[in-house]
Amino acid sequence: MTQQYYIPVPLEQAIKEYTDQELIEVISNTEHRLEKNKYDVNAAAICFYDAAKTEWVARHGDKPCPRIISTAEFVFEGDIYEVF
């Protein structure tokens, strides 16, 4: 049986390998969670969010990050109908 070893990589180095789409998803999802309930976001998620925002600014300067609709926002209350 072979053992797999994972070498830890600093967050700032790992985030540089993310695509722009992945950065947008991280930023949008975290911002949505912060707006909905700020207590739902822990310190690790805030560090991940800060690293993603820093990488976005490093790549695109002052250009704002586009906002995407997260899967959590797709649920519309009241749109669920009972079948009789």
PDB file of N, CA and C in Angstrom:
ATOM      1  N   MET A   1       0.832  -1.160   0.000  1.00  0.00           N
ATOM      2  CA  MET A   1       0.000   0.000   0.000  1.00  0.00           C
ATOM      3  C   MET A   1       0.895   1.246   0.000  1.00  0.00           C
ATOM      4  N   THR A   2       0.652   2.144  -0.934  1.00  0.00           N
ATOM      5  CA  THR A   2       1.469   3.357  -1.007  1.00  0.00           C
ATOM      6  C   THR A   2       0.814   4.457  -0.190  1.00  0.00           C
ATOM      7  N   GLN A   3       1.652   5.256   0.416  1.00  0.00           N
ATOM      8  CA  GLN A   3       1.162   6.375   1.209  1.00  0.00           C
ATOM      9  C   GLN A   3       1.309   7.662   0.405  1.00  0.00           C
ATOM     10  N   GLN A   4       0.322   8.513   0.520  1.00  0.00           N
ATOM     11  CA  GLN A   4       0.386   9.801  -0.156  1.00  0.00           C
ATOM     12  C   GLN A   4       0.733  10.875   0.866  1.00  0.00           C
ATOM     13  N   TYR A   5       1.642  11.737   0.483  1.00  0.00           N
ATOM     14  CA  TYR A   5       2.037  12.827   1.345  1.00  0.00           C
ATOM     15  C   TYR A   5       1.671  14.130   0.661  1.00  0.00           C
ATOM     16  N   TYR A   6       1.097  15.029   1.416  1.00  0.00           N
ATOM     17  CA  TYR A   6       0.739  16.347   0.903  1.00  0.00           C
ATOM     18  C   TYR A   6       1.663  17.373   1.538  1.00  0.00           C
ATOM     19  N   ILE A   7       2.301  18.143   0.709  1.00  0.00           N
ATOM     20  CA  ILE A   7       3.204  19.174   1.194  1.00  0.00           C
ATOM     21  C   ILE A   7       2.398  20.461   1.352  1.00  0.00           C
ATOM     22  N   PRO A   8       2.382  21.042   2.556  1.00  0.00           N
ATOM     23  CA  PRO A   8       1.623  22.271   2.753  1.00  0.00           C
ATOM     24  C   PRO A   8       2.205  23.421   1.931  1.00  0.00           C
ATOM     25  N   VAL A   9       1.323  24.213   1.381  1.00  0.00           N
ATOM     26  CA  VAL A   9       1.720  25.358   0.567  1.00  0.00           C
ATOM     27  C   VAL A   9       1.111  26.606   1.199  1.00  0.00           C
ATOM     28  N   PRO A  10       1.863  27.692   1.328  1.00  0.00           N
ATOM     29  CA  PRO A  10       1.288  28.916   1.874  1.00  0.00           C
ATOM     30  C   PRO A  10       0.095  29.393   1.035  1.00  0.00           C
ATOM     31  N   LEU A  11      -0.875  29.983   1.697  1.00  0.00           N
ATOM     32  CA  LEU A  11      -2.097  30.421   1.034  1.00  0.00           C
ATOM     33  C   LEU A  11      -1.813  31.418  -0.085  1.00  0.00           C
ATOM     34  N   GLU A  12      -0.913  32.358   0.151  1.00  0.00           N
ATOM     35  CA  GLU A  12      -0.593  33.363  -0.863  1.00  0.00           C
ATOM     36  C   GLU A  12       0.004  32.738  -2.121  1.00  0.00           C
ATOM     37  N   GLN A  13       0.728  31.644  -1.955  1.00  0.00           N
ATOM     38  CA  GLN A  13       1.305  30.955  -3.108  1.00  0.00           C
ATOM     39  C   GLN A  13       0.251  30.108  -3.818  1.00  0.00           C
ATOM     40  N   ALA A  14      -0.606  29.451  -3.071  1.00  0.00           N
ATOM     41  CA  ALA A  14      -1.636  28.598  -3.661  1.00  0.00           C
ATOM     42  C   ALA A  14      -2.671  29.409  -4.429  1.00  0.00           C
ATOM     43  N   ILE A  15      -3.016  30.586  -3.930  1.00  0.00           N
ATOM     44  CA  ILE A  15      -4.055  31.408  -4.570  1.00  0.00           C
ATOM     45  C   ILE A  15      -3.585  31.952  -5.921  1.00  0.00           C
ATOM     46  N   LYS A  16      -2.289  32.023  -6.127  1.00  0.00           N
ATOM     47  CA  LYS A  16      -1.757  32.494  -7.412  1.00  0.00           C
ATOM     48  C   LYS A  16      -2.054  31.514  -8.548  1.00  0.00           C
ATOM     49  N   GLU A  17      -2.319  30.258  -8.220  1.00  0.00           N
ATOM     50  CA  GLU A  17      -2.634  29.246  -9.229  1.00  0.00           C
ATOM     51  C   GLU A  17      -4.114  29.223  -9.587  1.00  0.00           C
ATOM     52  N   TYR A  18      -4.946  29.991  -8.892  1.00  0.00           N
ATOM     53  CA  TYR A  18      -6.378  30.036  -9.180  1.00  0.00           C
ATOM     54  C   TYR A  18      -6.618  30.809 -10.471  1.00  0.00           C
ATOM     55  N   THR A  19      -7.631  30.401 -11.205  1.00  0.00           N
ATOM     56  CA  THR A  19      -8.047  31.157 -12.394  1.00  0.00           C
ATOM     57  C   THR A  19      -8.887  32.349 -11.944  1.00  0.00           C
ATOM     58  N   ASP A  20      -9.132  33.269 -12.868  1.00  0.00           N
ATOM     59  CA  ASP A  20      -9.969  34.418 -12.539  1.00  0.00           C
ATOM     60  C   ASP A  20     -11.374  33.978 -12.128  1.00  0.00           C
ATOM     61  N   GLN A  21     -11.907  32.974 -12.794  1.00  0.00           N
ATOM     62  CA  GLN A  21     -13.250  32.473 -12.472  1.00  0.00           C
ATOM     63  C   GLN A  21     -13.299  31.924 -11.047  1.00  0.00           C
ATOM     64  N   GLU A  22     -12.270  31.204 -10.650  1.00  0.00           N
ATOM     65  CA  GLU A  22     -12.233  30.660  -9.294  1.00  0.00           C
ATOM     66  C   GLU A  22     -12.119  31.776  -8.253  1.00  0.00           C
ATOM     67  N   LEU A  23     -11.343  32.812  -8.561  1.00  0.00           N
ATOM     68  CA  LEU A  23     -11.247  33.955  -7.656  1.00  0.00           C
ATOM     69  C   LEU A  23     -12.603  34.644  -7.510  1.00  0.00           C
ATOM     70  N   ILE A  24     -13.305  34.824  -8.632  1.00  0.00           N
ATOM     71  CA  ILE A  24     -14.620  35.467  -8.600  1.00  0.00           C
ATOM     72  C   ILE A  24     -15.589  34.653  -7.754  1.00  0.00           C
ATOM     73  N   GLU A  25     -15.552  33.329  -7.882  1.00  0.00           N
ATOM     74  CA  GLU A  25     -16.434  32.467  -7.093  1.00  0.00           C
ATOM     75  C   GLU A  25     -16.143  32.577  -5.603  1.00  0.00           C
ATOM     76  N   VAL A  26     -14.872  32.574  -5.232  1.00  0.00           N
ATOM     77  CA  VAL A  26     -14.495  32.683  -3.816  1.00  0.00           C
ATOM     78  C   VAL A  26     -14.961  34.023  -3.252  1.00  0.00           C
ATOM     79  N   ILE A  27     -14.690  35.094  -3.972  1.00  0.00           N
ATOM     80  CA  ILE A  27     -15.045  36.432  -3.504  1.00  0.00           C
ATOM     81  C   ILE A  27     -16.560  36.588  -3.422  1.00  0.00           C
ATOM     82  N   SER A  28     -17.282  36.163  -4.455  1.00  0.00           N
ATOM     83  CA  SER A  28     -18.740  36.315  -4.472  1.00  0.00           C
ATOM     84  C   SER A  28     -19.409  35.488  -3.375  1.00  0.00           C
ATOM     85  N   ASN A  29     -18.996  34.249  -3.217  1.00  0.00           N
ATOM     86  CA  ASN A  29     -19.603  33.398  -2.194  1.00  0.00           C
ATOM     87  C   ASN A  29     -19.358  33.939  -0.790  1.00  0.00           C
ATOM     88  N   THR A  30     -18.150  34.405  -0.531  1.00  0.00           N
ATOM     89  CA  THR A  30     -17.843  34.933   0.799  1.00  0.00           C
ATOM     90  C   THR A  30     -18.610  36.218   1.060  1.00  0.00           C
ATOM     91  N   GLU A  31     -18.693  37.101   0.063  1.00  0.00           N
ATOM     92  CA  GLU A  31     -19.445  38.343   0.247  1.00  0.00           C
ATOM     93  C   GLU A  31     -20.926  38.055   0.479  1.00  0.00           C
ATOM     94  N   HIS A  32     -21.469  37.070  -0.222  1.00  0.00           N
ATOM     95  CA  HIS A  32     -22.874  36.701  -0.007  1.00  0.00           C
ATOM     96  C   HIS A  32     -23.082  36.180   1.411  1.00  0.00           C
ATOM     97  N   ARG A  33     -22.176  35.333   1.879  1.00  0.00           N
ATOM     98  CA  ARG A  33     -22.293  34.799   3.236  1.00  0.00           C
ATOM     99  C   ARG A  33     -22.144  35.902   4.276  1.00  0.00           C
ATOM    100  N   LEU A  34     -21.275  36.888   4.015  1.00  0.00           N
ATOM    101  CA  LEU A  34     -21.110  38.009   4.953  1.00  0.00           C
ATOM    102  C   LEU A  34     -22.368  38.875   5.004  1.00  0.00           C
ATOM    103  N   GLU A  35     -23.018  39.067   3.853  1.00  0.00           N
ATOM    104  CA  GLU A  35     -24.239  39.866   3.823  1.00  0.00           C
ATOM    105  C   GLU A  35     -25.393  39.147   4.513  1.00  0.00           C
ATOM    106  N   LYS A  36     -25.478  37.841   4.308  1.00  0.00           N
ATOM    107  CA  LYS A  36     -26.593  37.076   4.852  1.00  0.00           C
ATOM    108  C   LYS A  36     -26.470  36.912   6.369  1.00  0.00           C
ATOM    109  N   ASN A  37     -25.309  36.482   6.824  1.00  0.00           N
ATOM    110  CA  ASN A  37     -25.076  36.275   8.255  1.00  0.00           C
ATOM    111  C   ASN A  37     -23.581  36.327   8.506  1.00  0.00           C
ATOM    112  N   LYS A  38     -23.113  37.406   9.093  1.00  0.00           N
ATOM    113  CA  LYS A  38     -21.669  37.565   9.276  1.00  0.00           C
ATOM    114  C   LYS A  38     -21.078  36.532  10.232  1.00  0.00           C
ATOM    115  N   TYR A  39     -21.913  35.914  11.062  1.00  0.00           N
ATOM    116  CA  TYR A  39     -21.419  34.908  11.998  1.00  0.00           C
ATOM    117  C   TYR A  39     -21.247  33.546  11.330  1.00  0.00           C
ATOM    118  N   ASP A  40     -21.671  33.439  10.076  1.00  0.00           N
ATOM    119  CA  ASP A  40     -21.534  32.197   9.324  1.00  0.00           C
ATOM    120  C   ASP A  40     -20.125  32.046   8.737  1.00  0.00           C
ATOM    121  N   VAL A  41     -19.347  33.121   8.767  1.00  0.00           N
ATOM    122  CA  VAL A  41     -18.017  33.137   8.157  1.00  0.00           C
ATOM    123  C   VAL A  41     -16.967  33.133   9.268  1.00  0.00           C
ATOM    124  N   ASN A  42     -16.093  32.118   9.257  1.00  0.00           N
ATOM    125  CA  ASN A  42     -15.072  32.028  10.304  1.00  0.00           C
ATOM    126  C   ASN A  42     -13.782  32.733   9.874  1.00  0.00           C
ATOM    127  N   ALA A  43     -12.800  32.727  10.752  1.00  0.00           N
ATOM    128  CA  ALA A  43     -11.545  33.442  10.507  1.00  0.00           C
ATOM    129  C   ALA A  43     -10.779  32.871   9.320  1.00  0.00           C
ATOM    130  N   ALA A  44     -10.836  31.564   9.124  1.00  0.00           N
ATOM    131  CA  ALA A  44     -10.140  30.947   7.993  1.00  0.00           C
ATOM    132  C   ALA A  44     -10.750  31.410   6.669  1.00  0.00           C
ATOM    133  N   ALA A  45     -12.076  31.521   6.621  1.00  0.00           N
ATOM    134  CA  ALA A  45     -12.740  31.991   5.405  1.00  0.00           C
ATOM    135  C   ALA A  45     -12.399  33.448   5.129  1.00  0.00           C
ATOM    136  N   ILE A  46     -12.269  34.252   6.176  1.00  0.00           N
ATOM    137  CA  ILE A  46     -11.890  35.662   6.003  1.00  0.00           C
ATOM    138  C   ILE A  46     -10.466  35.763   5.454  1.00  0.00           C
ATOM    139  N   CYS A  47      -9.553  34.939   5.942  1.00  0.00           N
ATOM    140  CA  CYS A  47      -8.180  34.939   5.421  1.00  0.00           C
ATOM    141  C   CYS A  47      -8.158  34.521   3.952  1.00  0.00           C
ATOM    142  N   PHE A  48      -8.951  33.512   3.598  1.00  0.00           N
ATOM    143  CA  PHE A  48      -9.056  33.048   2.219  1.00  0.00           C
ATOM    144  C   PHE A  48      -9.633  34.157   1.332  1.00  0.00           C
ATOM    145  N   TYR A  49     -10.661  34.836   1.829  1.00  0.00           N
ATOM    146  CA  TYR A  49     -11.284  35.955   1.115  1.00  0.00           C
ATOM    147  C   TYR A  49     -10.286  37.098   0.904  1.00  0.00           C
ATOM    148  N   ASP A  50      -9.548  37.449   1.948  1.00  0.00           N
ATOM    149  CA  ASP A  50      -8.546  38.516   1.844  1.00  0.00           C
ATOM    150  C   ASP A  50      -7.451  38.167   0.837  1.00  0.00           C
ATOM    151  N   ALA A  51      -7.006  36.916   0.845  1.00  0.00           N
ATOM    152  CA  ALA A  51      -5.983  36.487  -0.113  1.00  0.00           C
ATOM    153  C   ALA A  51      -6.523  36.547  -1.537  1.00  0.00           C
ATOM    154  N   ALA A  52      -7.790  36.164  -1.728  1.00  0.00           N
ATOM    155  CA  ALA A  52      -8.400  36.213  -3.063  1.00  0.00           C
ATOM    156  C   ALA A  52      -8.554  37.656  -3.536  1.00  0.00           C
ATOM    157  N   LYS A  53      -8.985  38.548  -2.644  1.00  0.00           N
ATOM    158  CA  LYS A  53      -9.119  39.966  -3.018  1.00  0.00           C
ATOM    159  C   LYS A  53      -7.755  40.576  -3.348  1.00  0.00           C
ATOM    160  N   THR A  54      -6.729  40.228  -2.573  1.00  0.00           N
ATOM    161  CA  THR A  54      -5.380  40.730  -2.820  1.00  0.00           C
ATOM    162  C   THR A  54      -4.871  40.256  -4.174  1.00  0.00           C
ATOM    163  N   GLU A  55      -5.111  39.001  -4.504  1.00  0.00           N
ATOM    164  CA  GLU A  55      -4.688  38.464  -5.800  1.00  0.00           C
ATOM    165  C   GLU A  55      -5.459  39.125  -6.939  1.00  0.00           C
ATOM    166  N   TRP A  56      -6.754  39.402  -6.721  1.00  0.00           N
ATOM    167  CA  TRP A  56      -7.553  40.083  -7.745  1.00  0.00           C
ATOM    168  C   TRP A  56      -6.973  41.476  -8.031  1.00  0.00           C
ATOM    169  N   VAL A  57      -6.628  42.207  -6.983  1.00  0.00           N
ATOM    170  CA  VAL A  57      -6.058  43.551  -7.144  1.00  0.00           C
ATOM    171  C   VAL A  57      -4.694  43.473  -7.814  1.00  0.00           C
ATOM    172  N   ALA A  58      -3.908  42.449  -7.483  1.00  0.00           N
ATOM    173  CA  ALA A  58      -2.593  42.297  -8.104  1.00  0.00           C
ATOM    174  C   ALA A  58      -2.726  42.026  -9.606  1.00  0.00           C
ATOM    175  N   ARG A  59      -3.763  41.286  -9.996  1.00  0.00           N
ATOM    176  CA  ARG A  59      -3.951  40.967 -11.416  1.00  0.00           C
ATOM    177  C   ARG A  59      -4.642  42.073 -12.195  1.00  0.00           C
ATOM    178  N   HIS A  60      -5.639  42.716 -11.581  1.00  0.00           N
ATOM    179  CA  HIS A  60      -6.508  43.625 -12.331  1.00  0.00           C
ATOM    180  C   HIS A  60      -6.512  45.060 -11.832  1.00  0.00           C
ATOM    181  N   GLY A  61      -5.725  45.374 -10.840  1.00  0.00           N
ATOM    182  CA  GLY A  61      -5.663  46.747 -10.343  1.00  0.00           C
ATOM    183  C   GLY A  61      -6.963  47.166  -9.670  1.00  0.00           C
ATOM    184  N   ASP A  62      -7.437  48.366 -10.002  1.00  0.00           N
ATOM    185  CA  ASP A  62      -8.637  48.918  -9.370  1.00  0.00           C
ATOM    186  C   ASP A  62      -9.934  48.446 -10.010  1.00  0.00           C
ATOM    187  N   LYS A  63      -9.853  47.563 -10.990  1.00  0.00           N
ATOM    188  CA  LYS A  63     -11.058  47.054 -11.653  1.00  0.00           C
ATOM    189  C   LYS A  63     -11.888  46.255 -10.637  1.00  0.00           C
ATOM    190  N   PRO A  64     -13.202  46.542 -10.536  1.00  0.00           N
ATOM    191  CA  PRO A  64     -14.009  45.815  -9.552  1.00  0.00           C
ATOM    192  C   PRO A  64     -14.195  44.347  -9.931  1.00  0.00           C
ATOM    193  N   CYS A  65     -14.330  43.536  -8.931  1.00  0.00           N
ATOM    194  CA  CYS A  65     -14.546  42.100  -9.156  1.00  0.00           C
ATOM    195  C   CYS A  65     -16.014  41.880  -9.507  1.00  0.00           C
ATOM    196  N   PRO A  66     -16.308  41.189 -10.613  1.00  0.00           N
ATOM    197  CA  PRO A  66     -17.712  40.932 -10.951  1.00  0.00           C
ATOM    198  C   PRO A  66     -18.370  40.034  -9.914  1.00  0.00           C
ATOM    199  N   ARG A  67     -19.641  40.230  -9.719  1.00  0.00           N
ATOM    200  CA  ARG A  67     -20.398  39.449  -8.735  1.00  0.00           C
ATOM    201  C   ARG A  67     -21.221  38.394  -9.467  1.00  0.00           C
ATOM    202  N   ILE A  68     -21.098  37.163  -9.027  1.00  0.00           N
ATOM    203  CA  ILE A  68     -21.912  36.091  -9.608  1.00  0.00           C
ATOM    204  C   ILE A  68     -22.932  35.652  -8.568  1.00  0.00           C
ATOM    205  N   ILE A  69     -23.992  35.041  -9.040  1.00  0.00           N
ATOM    206  CA  ILE A  69     -25.019  34.545  -8.138  1.00  0.00           C
ATOM    207  C   ILE A  69     -24.588  33.163  -7.655  1.00  0.00           C
ATOM    208  N   SER A  70     -24.467  33.019  -6.355  1.00  0.00           N
ATOM    209  CA  SER A  70     -24.055  31.727  -5.799  1.00  0.00           C
ATOM    210  C   SER A  70     -25.228  30.758  -5.822  1.00  0.00           C
ATOM    211  N   THR A  71     -24.921  29.488  -5.663  1.00  0.00           N
ATOM    212  CA  THR A  71     -25.975  28.474  -5.676  1.00  0.00           C
ATOM    213  C   THR A  71     -26.930  28.652  -4.506  1.00  0.00           C
ATOM    214  N   ALA A  72     -26.460  29.234  -3.417  1.00  0.00           N
ATOM    215  CA  ALA A  72     -27.328  29.470  -2.261  1.00  0.00           C
ATOM    216  C   ALA A  72     -28.388  30.517  -2.570  1.00  0.00           C
ATOM    217  N   GLU A  73     -28.104  31.426  -3.512  1.00  0.00           N
ATOM    218  CA  GLU A  73     -29.059  32.469  -3.861  1.00  0.00           C
ATOM    219  C   GLU A  73     -30.103  32.003  -4.869  1.00  0.00           C
ATOM    220  N   PHE A  74     -29.958  30.798  -5.423  1.00  0.00           N
ATOM    221  CA  PHE A  74     -30.901  30.294  -6.411  1.00  0.00           C
ATOM    222  C   PHE A  74     -32.222  29.848  -5.791  1.00  0.00           C
ATOM    223  N   VAL A  75     -32.239  29.632  -4.504  1.00  0.00           N
ATOM    224  CA  VAL A  75     -33.449  29.161  -3.845  1.00  0.00           C
ATOM    225  C   VAL A  75     -34.355  30.367  -3.603  1.00  0.00           C
ATOM    226  N   PHE A  76     -35.506  30.340  -4.218  1.00  0.00           N
ATOM    227  CA  PHE A  76     -36.471  31.420  -4.066  1.00  0.00           C
ATOM    228  C   PHE A  76     -37.594  30.932  -3.161  1.00  0.00           C
ATOM    229  N   GLU A  77     -37.787  31.610  -2.067  1.00  0.00           N
ATOM    230  CA  GLU A  77     -38.872  31.228  -1.176  1.00  0.00           C
ATOM    231  C   GLU A  77     -40.200  31.583  -1.833  1.00  0.00           C
ATOM    232  N   GLY A  78     -41.159  30.731  -1.704  1.00  0.00           N
ATOM    233  CA  GLY A  78     -42.467  30.981  -2.286  1.00  0.00           C
ATOM    234  C   GLY A  78     -42.614  30.423  -3.683  1.00  0.00           C
ATOM    235  N   ASP A  79     -41.552  29.965  -4.293  1.00  0.00           N
ATOM    236  CA  ASP A  79     -41.631  29.402  -5.631  1.00  0.00           C
ATOM    237  C   ASP A  79     -41.870  27.902  -5.609  1.00  0.00           C
ATOM    238  N   ILE A  80     -41.991  27.344  -4.431  1.00  0.00           N
ATOM    239  CA  ILE A  80     -42.208  25.909  -4.305  1.00  0.00           C
ATOM    240  C   ILE A  80     -43.708  25.678  -4.115  1.00  0.00           C
ATOM    241  N   TYR A  81     -44.290  24.956  -5.024  1.00  0.00           N
ATOM    242  CA  TYR A  81     -45.725  24.699  -4.985  1.00  0.00           C
ATOM    243  C   TYR A  81     -45.962  23.220  -4.687  1.00  0.00           C
ATOM    244  N   GLU A  82     -46.997  22.982  -3.899  1.00  0.00           N
ATOM    245  CA  GLU A  82     -47.363  21.601  -3.594  1.00  0.00           C
ATOM    246  C   GLU A  82     -48.192  21.048  -4.741  1.00  0.00           C
ATOM    247  N   VAL A  83     -47.961  19.820  -5.082  1.00  0.00           N
ATOM    248  CA  VAL A  83     -48.735  19.162  -6.132  1.00  0.00           C
ATOM    249  C   VAL A  83     -49.901  18.440  -5.473  1.00  0.00           C
ATOM    250  N   PHE A  84     -51.095  18.724  -5.942  1.00  0.00           N
ATOM    251  CA  PHE A  84     -52.296  18.092  -5.372  1.00  0.00           C
ATOM    252  C   PHE A  84     -52.696  16.909  -6.188  1.00  0.00           C
TER     253      PHE A  84
END
